[in-house]
Amino acid sequence: MKLKIKELREEYGLTQKELAQKLSNVQRNVSNWENGASEPDCETILKIAELFGVSIDELFGRSFSPEPVRLDTESDYALLRTLRKLTPAQKSAVKNLIDAFTDNAGSGVHNA
């Protein structure tokens, strides 16, 4: 089964060599994973999923979410790509900001 490593690597703007370095691996292995000649071991699969902020299912090209995410516009896709690049701390800050907006949305409170 071919993993979505190349797609994610390119989305993040990384070369094969840069990805290999981040995974404490070698470029040849990344190339082999991307062309389906070999697959990373379980530990490396976990590292790749964590690095790109995706689930293992997503890494394998599977989507089992009970409620599919609707991305209707290119700006939705661009936002998702940007969010995937954030650190966990940055993602938490963005979530808090979104929560603040949505908590105030129904109250009629508008802070300028």
N, C-alpha and C. Protein backbone atom coordinates (compact mmCIF):
# COMPACT_ATOMS: atom_id res chain seq x y z
N MET A 1 0.85 -1.18 0.00
CA MET A 1 0.00 0.00 0.00
C MET A 1 0.89 1.24 0.00
N LYS A 2 0.61 2.15 -0.90
CA LYS A 2 1.42 3.36 -1.02
C LYS A 2 0.90 4.43 -0.06
N LEU A 3 1.79 4.95 0.76
CA LEU A 3 1.42 5.99 1.71
C LEU A 3 1.41 7.36 1.02
N LYS A 4 0.74 8.32 1.64
CA LYS A 4 0.64 9.68 1.08
C LYS A 4 1.84 10.54 1.49
N ILE A 5 3.01 9.96 1.58
CA ILE A 5 4.18 10.68 2.05
C ILE A 5 4.56 11.80 1.09
N LYS A 6 4.61 11.50 -0.19
CA LYS A 6 5.03 12.51 -1.17
C LYS A 6 4.07 13.70 -1.16
N GLU A 7 2.78 13.42 -1.15
CA GLU A 7 1.78 14.50 -1.15
C GLU A 7 1.96 15.41 0.06
N LEU A 8 2.12 14.82 1.23
CA LEU A 8 2.29 15.61 2.45
C LEU A 8 3.63 16.34 2.45
N ARG A 9 4.67 15.67 2.00
CA ARG A 9 6.00 16.29 1.97
C ARG A 9 5.97 17.53 1.08
N GLU A 10 5.36 17.39 -0.10
CA GLU A 10 5.28 18.53 -1.02
C GLU A 10 4.39 19.64 -0.47
N GLU A 11 3.31 19.25 0.21
CA GLU A 11 2.41 20.24 0.82
C GLU A 11 3.18 21.09 1.85
N TYR A 12 4.10 20.48 2.53
CA TYR A 12 4.91 21.18 3.54
C TYR A 12 6.16 21.83 2.94
N GLY A 13 6.38 21.64 1.64
CA GLY A 13 7.52 22.26 0.98
C GLY A 13 8.86 21.66 1.38
N LEU A 14 8.87 20.37 1.68
CA LEU A 14 10.11 19.70 2.08
C LEU A 14 10.67 18.89 0.93
N THR A 15 11.99 18.82 0.85
CA THR A 15 12.63 17.90 -0.08
C THR A 15 12.68 16.53 0.57
N GLN A 16 13.00 15.52 -0.23
CA GLN A 16 13.15 14.18 0.34
C GLN A 16 14.28 14.17 1.37
N LYS A 17 15.34 14.88 1.08
CA LYS A 17 16.48 14.93 2.00
C LYS A 17 16.08 15.58 3.32
N GLU A 18 15.32 16.69 3.25
CA GLU A 18 14.89 17.38 4.48
C GLU A 18 13.98 16.49 5.31
N LEU A 19 13.06 15.78 4.64
CA LEU A 19 12.17 14.87 5.37
C LEU A 19 12.98 13.76 6.02
N ALA A 20 13.92 13.21 5.27
CA ALA A 20 14.76 12.15 5.82
C ALA A 20 15.49 12.62 7.07
N GLN A 21 16.02 13.84 7.03
CA GLN A 21 16.73 14.38 8.19
C GLN A 21 15.80 14.52 9.39
N LYS A 22 14.59 15.00 9.16
CA LYS A 22 13.63 15.17 10.25
C LYS A 22 13.25 13.82 10.88
N LEU A 23 13.35 12.76 10.08
CA LEU A 23 12.99 11.43 10.56
C LEU A 23 14.21 10.62 10.98
N SER A 24 15.38 11.26 11.00
CA SER A 24 16.64 10.55 11.30
C SER A 24 16.80 9.35 10.38
N ASN A 25 16.61 9.59 9.09
CA ASN A 25 16.65 8.54 8.10
C ASN A 25 17.47 9.01 6.92
N VAL A 26 17.43 8.28 5.81
CA VAL A 26 18.19 8.65 4.62
C VAL A 26 17.24 8.91 3.45
N GLN A 27 17.70 9.75 2.51
CA GLN A 27 16.88 10.15 1.38
C GLN A 27 16.43 8.95 0.54
N ARG A 28 17.30 7.97 0.38
CA ARG A 28 16.96 6.80 -0.44
C ARG A 28 15.71 6.10 0.10
N ASN A 29 15.61 6.01 1.43
CA ASN A 29 14.42 5.37 2.01
C ASN A 29 13.16 6.17 1.71
N VAL A 30 13.24 7.51 1.83
CA VAL A 30 12.08 8.35 1.53
C VAL A 30 11.67 8.14 0.08
N SER A 31 12.62 8.12 -0.82
CA SER A 31 12.33 7.89 -2.23
C SER A 31 11.65 6.54 -2.44
N ASN A 32 12.16 5.50 -1.79
CA ASN A 32 11.57 4.16 -1.91
C ASN A 32 10.15 4.12 -1.35
N TRP A 33 9.91 4.82 -0.24
CA TRP A 33 8.55 4.86 0.32
C TRP A 33 7.60 5.54 -0.64
N GLU A 34 8.06 6.66 -1.23
CA GLU A 34 7.20 7.43 -2.11
C GLU A 34 6.87 6.69 -3.40
N ASN A 35 7.79 5.90 -3.92
CA ASN A 35 7.50 5.20 -5.18
C ASN A 35 6.95 3.79 -4.95
N GLY A 36 6.76 3.41 -3.69
CA GLY A 36 6.15 2.13 -3.36
C GLY A 36 7.10 0.94 -3.39
N ALA A 37 8.42 1.21 -3.51
CA ALA A 37 9.39 0.12 -3.52
C ALA A 37 9.55 -0.53 -2.15
N SER A 38 9.30 0.24 -1.10
CA SER A 38 9.36 -0.28 0.26
C SER A 38 8.44 0.57 1.13
N GLU A 39 8.27 0.13 2.36
CA GLU A 39 7.43 0.87 3.30
C GLU A 39 8.21 1.14 4.57
N PRO A 40 7.94 2.26 5.23
CA PRO A 40 8.62 2.53 6.50
C PRO A 40 8.15 1.57 7.58
N ASP A 41 8.98 1.39 8.61
CA ASP A 41 8.57 0.55 9.73
C ASP A 41 7.51 1.28 10.56
N CYS A 42 6.92 0.57 11.50
CA CYS A 42 5.81 1.13 12.29
C CYS A 42 6.23 2.40 13.04
N GLU A 43 7.40 2.39 13.63
CA GLU A 43 7.88 3.55 14.38
C GLU A 43 8.01 4.77 13.46
N THR A 44 8.51 4.56 12.25
CA THR A 44 8.67 5.66 11.31
C THR A 44 7.32 6.15 10.81
N ILE A 45 6.37 5.24 10.62
CA ILE A 45 5.02 5.63 10.21
C ILE A 45 4.43 6.57 11.26
N LEU A 46 4.60 6.23 12.54
CA LEU A 46 4.10 7.09 13.61
C LEU A 46 4.78 8.46 13.57
N LYS A 47 6.10 8.48 13.34
CA LYS A 47 6.83 9.75 13.27
C LYS A 47 6.33 10.60 12.11
N ILE A 48 6.10 9.97 10.96
CA ILE A 48 5.62 10.71 9.78
C ILE A 48 4.25 11.31 10.06
N ALA A 49 3.34 10.52 10.63
CA ALA A 49 2.00 11.01 10.94
C ALA A 49 2.07 12.18 11.91
N GLU A 50 2.90 12.06 12.92
CA GLU A 50 3.05 13.14 13.90
C GLU A 50 3.66 14.39 13.27
N LEU A 51 4.68 14.19 12.46
CA LEU A 51 5.34 15.32 11.81
C LEU A 51 4.37 16.14 10.97
N PHE A 52 3.51 15.45 10.22
CA PHE A 52 2.58 16.14 9.33
C PHE A 52 1.23 16.43 9.99
N GLY A 53 1.05 16.02 11.23
CA GLY A 53 -0.19 16.31 11.94
C GLY A 53 -1.40 15.62 11.35
N VAL A 54 -1.20 14.38 10.90
CA VAL A 54 -2.30 13.60 10.33
C VAL A 54 -2.44 12.29 11.09
N SER A 55 -3.59 11.67 10.97
CA SER A 55 -3.77 10.36 11.57
C SER A 55 -3.08 9.31 10.70
N ILE A 56 -2.89 8.14 11.26
CA ILE A 56 -2.31 7.05 10.47
C ILE A 56 -3.26 6.68 9.34
N ASP A 57 -4.56 6.72 9.61
CA ASP A 57 -5.54 6.45 8.55
C ASP A 57 -5.35 7.42 7.39
N GLU A 58 -5.20 8.71 7.71
CA GLU A 58 -4.99 9.70 6.66
C GLU A 58 -3.70 9.43 5.89
N LEU A 59 -2.66 9.04 6.60
CA LEU A 59 -1.38 8.75 5.97
C LEU A 59 -1.52 7.60 4.97
N PHE A 60 -2.40 6.65 5.28
CA PHE A 60 -2.65 5.53 4.38
C PHE A 60 -3.73 5.85 3.35
N GLY A 61 -4.22 7.08 3.34
CA GLY A 61 -5.22 7.48 2.37
C GLY A 61 -6.63 7.05 2.71
N ARG A 62 -6.85 6.72 3.98
CA ARG A 62 -8.19 6.30 4.42
C ARG A 62 -8.86 7.45 5.15
N SER A 63 -10.17 7.52 5.01
CA SER A 63 -10.93 8.52 5.73
C SER A 63 -12.14 7.85 6.34
N PHE A 64 -12.13 7.72 7.67
CA PHE A 64 -13.23 7.07 8.36
C PHE A 64 -13.97 8.03 9.28
N SER A 65 -13.90 9.32 9.01
CA SER A 65 -14.57 10.25 9.90
C SER A 65 -16.09 10.06 9.77
N PRO A 66 -16.77 10.02 10.91
CA PRO A 66 -18.21 9.79 10.88
C PRO A 66 -18.97 10.91 10.18
N GLU A 67 -18.46 12.11 10.26
CA GLU A 67 -19.08 13.24 9.60
C GLU A 67 -18.05 13.85 8.66
N PRO A 68 -18.18 13.62 7.35
CA PRO A 68 -17.17 14.11 6.43
C PRO A 68 -17.03 15.63 6.49
N VAL A 69 -15.81 16.08 6.38
CA VAL A 69 -15.53 17.50 6.37
C VAL A 69 -15.81 18.03 4.97
N ARG A 70 -16.60 19.09 4.88
CA ARG A 70 -16.90 19.69 3.58
C ARG A 70 -15.98 20.87 3.35
N LEU A 71 -15.21 20.80 2.31
CA LEU A 71 -14.36 21.90 1.91
C LEU A 71 -14.91 22.39 0.57
N ASP A 72 -15.64 23.48 0.62
CA ASP A 72 -16.37 23.94 -0.55
C ASP A 72 -15.56 24.86 -1.46
N THR A 73 -14.59 25.53 -0.91
CA THR A 73 -13.87 26.51 -1.71
C THR A 73 -12.37 26.30 -1.61
N GLU A 74 -11.64 26.92 -2.51
CA GLU A 74 -10.18 26.84 -2.45
C GLU A 74 -9.67 27.46 -1.16
N SER A 75 -10.37 28.48 -0.64
CA SER A 75 -9.91 29.08 0.62
C SER A 75 -10.06 28.10 1.79
N ASP A 76 -11.06 27.20 1.73
CA ASP A 76 -11.19 26.15 2.75
C ASP A 76 -9.97 25.23 2.70
N TYR A 77 -9.58 24.83 1.49
CA TYR A 77 -8.41 23.96 1.34
C TYR A 77 -7.14 24.68 1.80
N ALA A 78 -7.02 25.95 1.44
CA ALA A 78 -5.83 26.72 1.84
C ALA A 78 -5.75 26.83 3.36
N LEU A 79 -6.88 27.05 4.01
CA LEU A 79 -6.91 27.13 5.47
C LEU A 79 -6.48 25.81 6.09
N LEU A 80 -6.99 24.71 5.57
CA LEU A 80 -6.62 23.40 6.09
C LEU A 80 -5.13 23.15 5.91
N ARG A 81 -4.58 23.48 4.73
CA ARG A 81 -3.14 23.29 4.50
C ARG A 81 -2.33 24.12 5.48
N THR A 82 -2.76 25.34 5.76
CA THR A 82 -2.06 26.20 6.70
C THR A 82 -2.14 25.63 8.11
N LEU A 83 -3.31 25.17 8.52
CA LEU A 83 -3.47 24.60 9.86
C LEU A 83 -2.58 23.39 10.06
N ARG A 84 -2.44 22.57 9.02
CA ARG A 84 -1.60 21.38 9.14
C ARG A 84 -0.14 21.72 9.39
N LYS A 85 0.28 22.90 9.01
CA LYS A 85 1.68 23.30 9.16
C LYS A 85 1.99 23.87 10.55
N LEU A 86 0.95 24.15 11.34
CA LEU A 86 1.15 24.75 12.65
C LEU A 86 1.67 23.74 13.67
N THR A 87 2.36 24.25 14.66
CA THR A 87 2.80 23.42 15.77
C THR A 87 1.58 23.11 16.64
N PRO A 88 1.66 22.11 17.51
CA PRO A 88 0.52 21.84 18.40
C PRO A 88 0.13 23.06 19.24
N ALA A 89 1.11 23.82 19.71
CA ALA A 89 0.80 25.01 20.51
C ALA A 89 0.07 26.06 19.66
N GLN A 90 0.50 26.22 18.41
CA GLN A 90 -0.17 27.18 17.53
C GLN A 90 -1.60 26.72 17.22
N LYS A 91 -1.77 25.41 17.01
CA LYS A 91 -3.11 24.89 16.74
C LYS A 91 -4.03 25.14 17.93
N SER A 92 -3.51 24.98 19.13
CA SER A 92 -4.29 25.22 20.33
C SER A 92 -4.71 26.69 20.41
N ALA A 93 -3.79 27.58 20.10
CA ALA A 93 -4.10 29.02 20.13
C ALA A 93 -5.17 29.36 19.10
N VAL A 94 -5.08 28.78 17.91
CA VAL A 94 -6.09 29.02 16.87
C VAL A 94 -7.44 28.48 17.32
N LYS A 95 -7.45 27.30 17.92
CA LYS A 95 -8.70 26.72 18.41
C LYS A 95 -9.33 27.62 19.47
N ASN A 96 -8.51 28.14 20.38
CA ASN A 96 -9.03 29.05 21.40
C ASN A 96 -9.63 30.30 20.77
N LEU A 97 -8.98 30.82 19.74
CA LEU A 97 -9.49 32.00 19.05
C LEU A 97 -10.83 31.69 18.37
N ILE A 98 -10.90 30.56 17.70
CA ILE A 98 -12.15 30.16 17.05
C ILE A 98 -13.25 29.97 18.09
N ASP A 99 -12.92 29.31 19.21
CA ASP A 99 -13.90 29.13 20.28
C ASP A 99 -14.41 30.47 20.79
N ALA A 100 -13.51 31.44 20.93
CA ALA A 100 -13.91 32.77 21.40
C ALA A 100 -14.87 33.42 20.40
N PHE A 101 -14.59 33.27 19.11
CA PHE A 101 -15.48 33.83 18.09
C PHE A 101 -16.84 33.14 18.12
N THR A 102 -16.85 31.83 18.20
CA THR A 102 -18.12 31.12 18.15
C THR A 102 -18.91 31.26 19.44
N ASP A 103 -18.24 31.41 20.59
CA ASP A 103 -18.94 31.64 21.85
C ASP A 103 -19.64 32.99 21.83
N ASN A 104 -19.02 33.99 21.22
CA ASN A 104 -19.60 35.34 21.16
C ASN A 104 -20.60 35.50 20.03
N ALA A 105 -20.56 34.61 19.05
CA ALA A 105 -21.41 34.76 17.88
C ALA A 105 -22.90 34.73 18.23
N GLY A 106 -23.27 33.83 19.12
CA GLY A 106 -24.68 33.72 19.46
C GLY A 106 -25.13 34.70 20.52
N SER A 107 -24.20 35.39 21.18
CA SER A 107 -24.58 36.26 22.29
C SER A 107 -24.90 37.69 21.87
N GLY A 108 -24.59 38.00 20.60
CA GLY A 108 -24.82 39.36 20.16
C GLY A 108 -23.74 40.31 20.64
N VAL A 109 -22.72 39.80 21.28
CA VAL A 109 -21.63 40.64 21.77
C VAL A 109 -20.63 40.82 20.65
N HIS A 110 -20.29 42.05 20.37
CA HIS A 110 -19.32 42.36 19.33
C HIS A 110 -18.25 43.23 19.93
N ASN A 111 -17.05 42.71 20.03
CA ASN A 111 -15.92 43.48 20.53
C ASN A 111 -15.15 44.03 19.36
N ALA A 112 -14.95 45.34 19.34
CA ALA A 112 -14.22 45.96 18.23
C ALA A 112 -12.87 46.43 18.71
